[in-house]
Every structure is written in structure tokens, then in C-alpha cells.
Amino acid sequence: LDPSLSPCVRHVFVLRAMARNGSRSTGRRSAAPVFLLFVAAFFAAGTFVLPQPRLSVKRAPAVEMRAEGMSVGNCLQPDGTWKPTGEVPIQSPEEDALAVKCWEAFKEQYTSAAERGMYMDTPVAEEDIKYRFRRLRDTFGITSEKALEIMETDALPLVIDAEYVKKTFDAMVAGASREKALEIVQRHPGILAAGPDVEGNMLQADVASNFINAARGLSSMLR
């Protein structure tokens, strides 16, 4: 997105992209009223600051091999580059199978990005997605099954650096409670793109998540 655009205009583009997530694999468009509901919900909830994509696209180093028993993924560095510095233990073959299912869910929602291995300037190869999936699960303190369910709703958090997601969720917890933060994320996983400033906007985030969740259900009914 052009950084010269106003925050409101950028939010509209983000919402439009979110409205298309559920229809990428089917080739159908979401109904216009659903998109309008997303927009209405967002502005009713106030303005959140989304991470701004950098215009210079740098290829991240490929995660060429996985350390035995470890899930390795690219992480955003202070200088803006990506390096495969993140490691999370693989808990079991069953857990690894759920990580594969998360990768499949991501491919359905972000087909082109999965084929390229990049979403804008964020590396999204299979190992990156599996790593972020595990980090997200650990950040939330939930089971792999529950984390998969949330990502099947909206895999947007998987195109965001895992540490940024953690900072956002921690801010949500500080602004309300862990239970409320997780409740909001389950309804609207895309809230994790809001950034730590969401801490002071948890009431609006709660309202927005209810609207967006309702709009998602309406979209499914109209397909």
C-alpha cells in the first residue's frame, strides 16, 4: 500500500483483503453488503494502527533445513531484514500434523503468497508458517487444535512477525484480560495486526470483533 494514503483509506484496503480471505479458495466474491459491514464495524470501533509495509522487498533467507526436533522460521530483525533465527520445539508427530494442516489452511487463504513464498516483504514459506503457528499457540497459551481452528477462521496473523503478534496480544491482555483478549482474537484474528496501541482500545476492539464475526457468518450464508 502507498504510505502516502491516509490511515482510513489503508484500513479500507485491509478490510477489503480480509473480506476476500474466505473466498480465495472458491473463486467467489464476497457480497458487497458484507464488505460494507466490515467497514462499518471498523470505523464504529475506532482507528487502530496497522503495521506499515515497507516498499523495498528483500528476499528472506530460505529455511533450508530444520534442526532435529525444532521448528525454525524467519524472524524480523531490527535492521528490517528477515533471518531464520526463530526456533520452537516440535512437540510430537501429532502436533506436527496439525502444523501441516495450518499450512494447508494458509495456502487456501493466501494461495499466491504461498506459491511465491513471500507476502509483500514477509517470508511465508511452509516452515515460516509452521513456526508462526507454534509461536501463536504458545503466545495464547492454548492447544494446537484450538490454534488451528483460529487460523482456519483467518490466517492473517501468519503473515505478521511472531514477536509483533506477541506484543499485540500482550497489550490486549494488559488492556482487558487474557480471557477477553483470546475471546476477541477467536472472533477476529486480524486484530493482531493492530499493534500494541490496541491496549487503550479494547472496548472498541470487542465491538469490532462482534461485527466482523457476524459479517463473516453472513458472508458464508450468501455463498
Protein backbone atom coordinates (compact mmCIF):
# COMPACT_ATOMS: atom_id res chain seq x y z
CA LEU A 1 0.00 0.00 0.00
CA ASP A 2 1.15 3.52 -0.76
CA PRO A 3 2.34 5.02 2.56
CA SER A 4 1.07 8.42 1.38
CA LEU A 5 -2.52 7.19 1.73
CA SER A 6 -4.40 8.26 4.81
CA PRO A 7 -4.77 5.69 7.63
CA CYS A 8 -8.52 5.47 6.98
CA VAL A 9 -8.00 4.60 3.32
CA ARG A 10 -5.38 2.00 4.23
CA HIS A 11 -7.79 0.44 6.71
CA VAL A 12 -10.41 0.11 3.98
CA PHE A 13 -7.92 -1.82 1.82
CA VAL A 14 -7.04 -4.06 4.77
CA LEU A 15 -10.72 -4.78 5.41
CA ARG A 16 -11.34 -5.49 1.73
CA ALA A 17 -8.49 -8.03 1.81
CA MET A 18 -9.91 -9.59 4.94
CA ALA A 19 -13.32 -9.86 3.33
CA ARG A 20 -11.76 -11.80 0.45
CA ASN A 21 -9.94 -14.30 2.69
CA GLY A 22 -12.83 -16.71 2.85
CA SER A 23 -13.43 -16.72 -0.90
CA ARG A 24 -9.93 -17.14 -2.28
CA SER A 25 -10.15 -20.89 -2.50
CA THR A 26 -13.61 -20.91 -4.13
CA GLY A 27 -13.10 -18.08 -6.62
CA ARG A 28 -16.33 -16.39 -5.47
CA ARG A 29 -16.53 -12.80 -4.41
CA SER A 30 -17.91 -11.79 -1.06
CA ALA A 31 -21.14 -9.85 -1.24
CA ALA A 32 -20.84 -6.08 -1.25
CA PRO A 33 -23.03 -5.71 1.86
CA VAL A 34 -20.56 -7.84 3.79
CA PHE A 35 -17.68 -5.56 2.87
CA LEU A 36 -19.76 -2.58 3.95
CA LEU A 37 -20.41 -4.30 7.27
CA PHE A 38 -16.67 -4.75 7.73
CA VAL A 39 -16.07 -1.08 7.05
CA ALA A 40 -18.88 -0.03 9.35
CA ALA A 41 -17.62 -2.30 12.10
CA PHE A 42 -14.10 -0.99 11.84
CA PHE A 43 -15.00 2.67 11.96
CA ALA A 44 -17.54 2.07 14.70
CA ALA A 45 -14.73 0.57 16.71
CA GLY A 46 -12.27 3.41 16.25
CA THR A 47 -8.93 3.54 14.45
CA PHE A 48 -6.16 1.02 15.00
CA VAL A 49 -2.60 1.47 13.82
CA LEU A 50 -1.63 -1.29 11.41
CA PRO A 51 1.99 -2.15 10.67
CA GLN A 52 3.06 -0.28 7.56
CA PRO A 53 4.59 -2.43 4.81
CA ARG A 54 7.98 -1.34 3.56
CA LEU A 55 8.25 -0.61 -0.13
CA SER A 56 11.60 -2.30 -0.61
CA VAL A 57 11.07 -6.04 -0.89
CA LYS A 58 14.00 -8.09 0.38
CA ARG A 59 14.10 -11.82 -0.13
CA ALA A 60 14.44 -13.62 3.17
CA PRO A 61 16.96 -16.41 3.58
CA ALA A 62 15.28 -19.75 2.98
CA VAL A 63 14.94 -22.10 5.90
CA GLU A 64 16.87 -24.84 4.14
CA MET A 65 16.90 -27.42 6.88
CA ARG A 66 15.04 -27.98 10.10
CA ALA A 67 17.03 -28.67 13.23
CA GLU A 68 16.04 -32.06 14.54
CA GLY A 69 13.01 -31.74 16.79
CA MET A 70 12.78 -27.98 16.18
CA SER A 71 10.54 -25.78 14.05
CA VAL A 72 12.62 -22.97 12.53
CA GLY A 73 11.28 -19.81 10.94
CA ASN A 74 12.31 -16.38 9.70
CA CYS A 75 12.03 -13.50 12.17
CA LEU A 76 12.11 -9.76 11.55
CA GLN A 77 15.41 -8.19 12.60
CA PRO A 78 15.98 -4.65 13.95
CA ASP A 79 17.52 -3.64 10.61
CA GLY A 80 14.36 -4.66 8.72
CA THR A 81 15.75 -7.89 7.28
CA TRP A 82 14.49 -11.41 7.93
CA LYS A 83 16.65 -14.20 9.29
CA PRO A 84 15.81 -17.80 10.30
CA THR A 85 16.53 -17.18 13.96
CA GLY A 86 13.26 -18.43 15.46
CA GLU A 87 13.07 -21.92 16.94
CA VAL A 88 10.20 -23.71 18.69
CA PRO A 89 10.24 -27.37 19.79
CA ILE A 90 8.09 -29.79 17.79
CA GLN A 91 6.01 -31.45 20.48
CA SER A 92 5.01 -34.69 18.76
CA PRO A 93 4.16 -36.25 15.39
CA GLU A 94 0.52 -35.44 16.11
CA GLU A 95 1.35 -31.80 16.77
CA ASP A 96 3.43 -31.69 13.61
CA ALA A 97 0.44 -32.99 11.64
CA LEU A 98 -1.63 -30.08 12.96
CA ALA A 99 1.09 -27.66 11.85
CA VAL A 100 0.82 -29.19 8.36
CA LYS A 101 -2.95 -28.63 8.46
CA CYS A 102 -2.30 -24.99 9.37
CA TRP A 103 -0.03 -24.69 6.32
CA GLU A 104 -2.82 -26.13 4.18
CA ALA A 105 -5.30 -23.63 5.62
CA PHE A 106 -2.86 -20.81 4.91
CA LYS A 107 -2.44 -21.95 1.29
CA GLU A 108 -6.20 -21.89 0.80
CA GLN A 109 -6.47 -18.31 2.06
CA TYR A 110 -3.22 -16.93 0.61
CA THR A 111 -2.65 -19.10 -2.45
CA SER A 112 -0.44 -16.72 -4.45
CA ALA A 113 1.68 -15.74 -1.47
CA ALA A 114 2.19 -19.39 -0.53
CA GLU A 115 3.34 -20.18 -4.06
CA ARG A 116 5.80 -17.25 -4.06
CA GLY A 117 6.96 -17.85 -0.50
CA MET A 118 6.51 -14.13 0.19
CA TYR A 119 3.62 -11.92 1.29
CA MET A 120 4.67 -8.37 0.46
CA ASP A 121 8.08 -8.43 2.20
CA THR A 122 7.25 -11.15 4.74
CA PRO A 123 8.58 -14.68 4.15
CA VAL A 124 5.74 -17.21 4.17
CA ALA A 125 7.37 -20.49 3.20
CA GLU A 126 5.96 -23.64 4.80
CA GLU A 127 8.50 -23.66 7.64
CA ASP A 128 7.80 -19.99 8.38
CA ILE A 129 4.06 -20.61 8.66
CA LYS A 130 4.52 -23.66 10.86
CA TYR A 131 6.89 -21.72 13.12
CA ARG A 132 4.48 -18.79 13.48
CA PHE A 133 1.61 -21.18 14.11
CA ARG A 134 3.52 -22.69 17.05
CA ARG A 135 4.57 -19.31 18.38
CA LEU A 136 0.98 -18.10 18.18
CA ARG A 137 -0.25 -21.17 20.09
CA ASP A 138 2.35 -20.62 22.80
CA THR A 139 1.59 -16.89 22.98
CA PHE A 140 -2.10 -17.59 23.54
CA GLY A 141 -1.48 -20.49 25.93
CA ILE A 142 -3.90 -22.76 24.06
CA THR A 143 -3.80 -26.17 22.40
CA SER A 144 -2.59 -26.73 18.85
CA GLU A 145 -6.11 -27.81 17.92
CA LYS A 146 -7.58 -24.52 19.11
CA ALA A 147 -4.84 -22.51 17.40
CA LEU A 148 -5.60 -24.33 14.13
CA GLU A 149 -9.28 -23.52 14.49
CA ILE A 150 -8.48 -19.81 14.85
CA MET A 151 -6.17 -19.81 11.83
CA GLU A 152 -8.79 -21.60 9.74
CA THR A 153 -11.06 -18.64 10.51
CA ASP A 154 -8.47 -16.08 9.38
CA ALA A 155 -4.76 -16.76 8.81
CA LEU A 156 -3.78 -13.08 8.72
CA PRO A 157 -1.60 -13.36 11.86
CA LEU A 158 0.64 -15.80 9.98
CA VAL A 159 1.83 -13.04 7.61
CA ILE A 160 2.99 -10.96 10.60
CA ASP A 161 6.22 -11.37 12.55
CA ALA A 162 5.62 -13.66 15.53
CA GLU A 163 7.11 -11.21 18.00
CA TYR A 164 4.81 -8.43 16.76
CA VAL A 165 1.83 -10.75 17.29
CA LYS A 166 3.01 -11.48 20.83
CA LYS A 167 3.42 -7.80 21.65
CA THR A 168 -0.06 -7.07 20.34
CA PHE A 169 -1.65 -9.91 22.30
CA ASP A 170 0.21 -8.97 25.47
CA ALA A 171 -1.10 -5.41 25.06
CA MET A 172 -4.64 -6.76 24.67
CA VAL A 173 -4.24 -8.74 27.88
CA ALA A 174 -2.94 -5.64 29.67
CA GLY A 175 -5.90 -3.63 28.37
CA ALA A 176 -8.52 -6.16 29.48
CA SER A 177 -7.74 -9.76 30.49
CA ARG A 178 -6.32 -12.89 28.89
CA GLU A 179 -9.80 -14.37 28.61
CA LYS A 180 -11.22 -11.29 26.90
CA ALA A 181 -8.20 -10.93 24.61
CA LEU A 182 -8.50 -14.54 23.48
CA GLU A 183 -12.25 -14.18 23.02
CA ILE A 184 -11.71 -11.20 20.70
CA VAL A 185 -8.97 -12.97 18.75
CA GLN A 186 -11.17 -16.02 18.24
CA ARG A 187 -13.86 -13.83 16.67
CA HIS A 188 -11.44 -11.63 14.73
CA PRO A 189 -7.86 -12.97 14.38
CA GLY A 190 -6.97 -9.97 12.21
CA ILE A 191 -6.98 -7.78 15.31
CA LEU A 192 -3.44 -9.00 15.91
CA ALA A 193 -2.31 -6.65 13.13
CA ALA A 194 -3.40 -3.69 15.25
CA GLY A 195 -0.19 -3.42 17.25
CA PRO A 196 0.42 -2.65 20.93
CA ASP A 197 -1.64 0.56 20.75
CA VAL A 198 -4.73 -1.66 20.89
CA GLU A 199 -4.26 -1.76 24.67
CA GLY A 200 -6.19 1.50 25.04
CA ASN A 201 -8.90 0.47 22.58
CA MET A 202 -10.10 -2.86 23.92
CA LEU A 203 -13.74 -1.83 24.18
CA GLN A 204 -13.74 -0.81 20.53
CA ALA A 205 -11.86 -3.99 19.61
CA ASP A 206 -14.53 -6.06 21.34
CA VAL A 207 -17.33 -4.29 19.46
CA ALA A 208 -15.49 -4.58 16.13
CA SER A 209 -14.83 -8.28 16.62
CA ASN A 210 -18.52 -8.97 17.14
CA PHE A 211 -19.46 -7.06 13.97
CA ILE A 212 -16.79 -8.75 11.89
CA ASN A 213 -17.65 -12.20 13.19
CA ALA A 214 -21.32 -11.60 12.35
CA ALA A 215 -20.39 -10.34 8.88
CA ARG A 216 -18.25 -13.42 8.29
CA GLY A 217 -21.21 -15.64 9.11
CA LEU A 218 -23.43 -13.63 6.77
CA SER A 219 -20.83 -13.96 4.02
CA SER A 220 -20.83 -17.75 4.41
CA MET A 221 -24.62 -17.83 4.14
CA LEU A 222 -24.59 -15.78 0.93
CA ARG A 223 -22.13 -18.02 -0.92
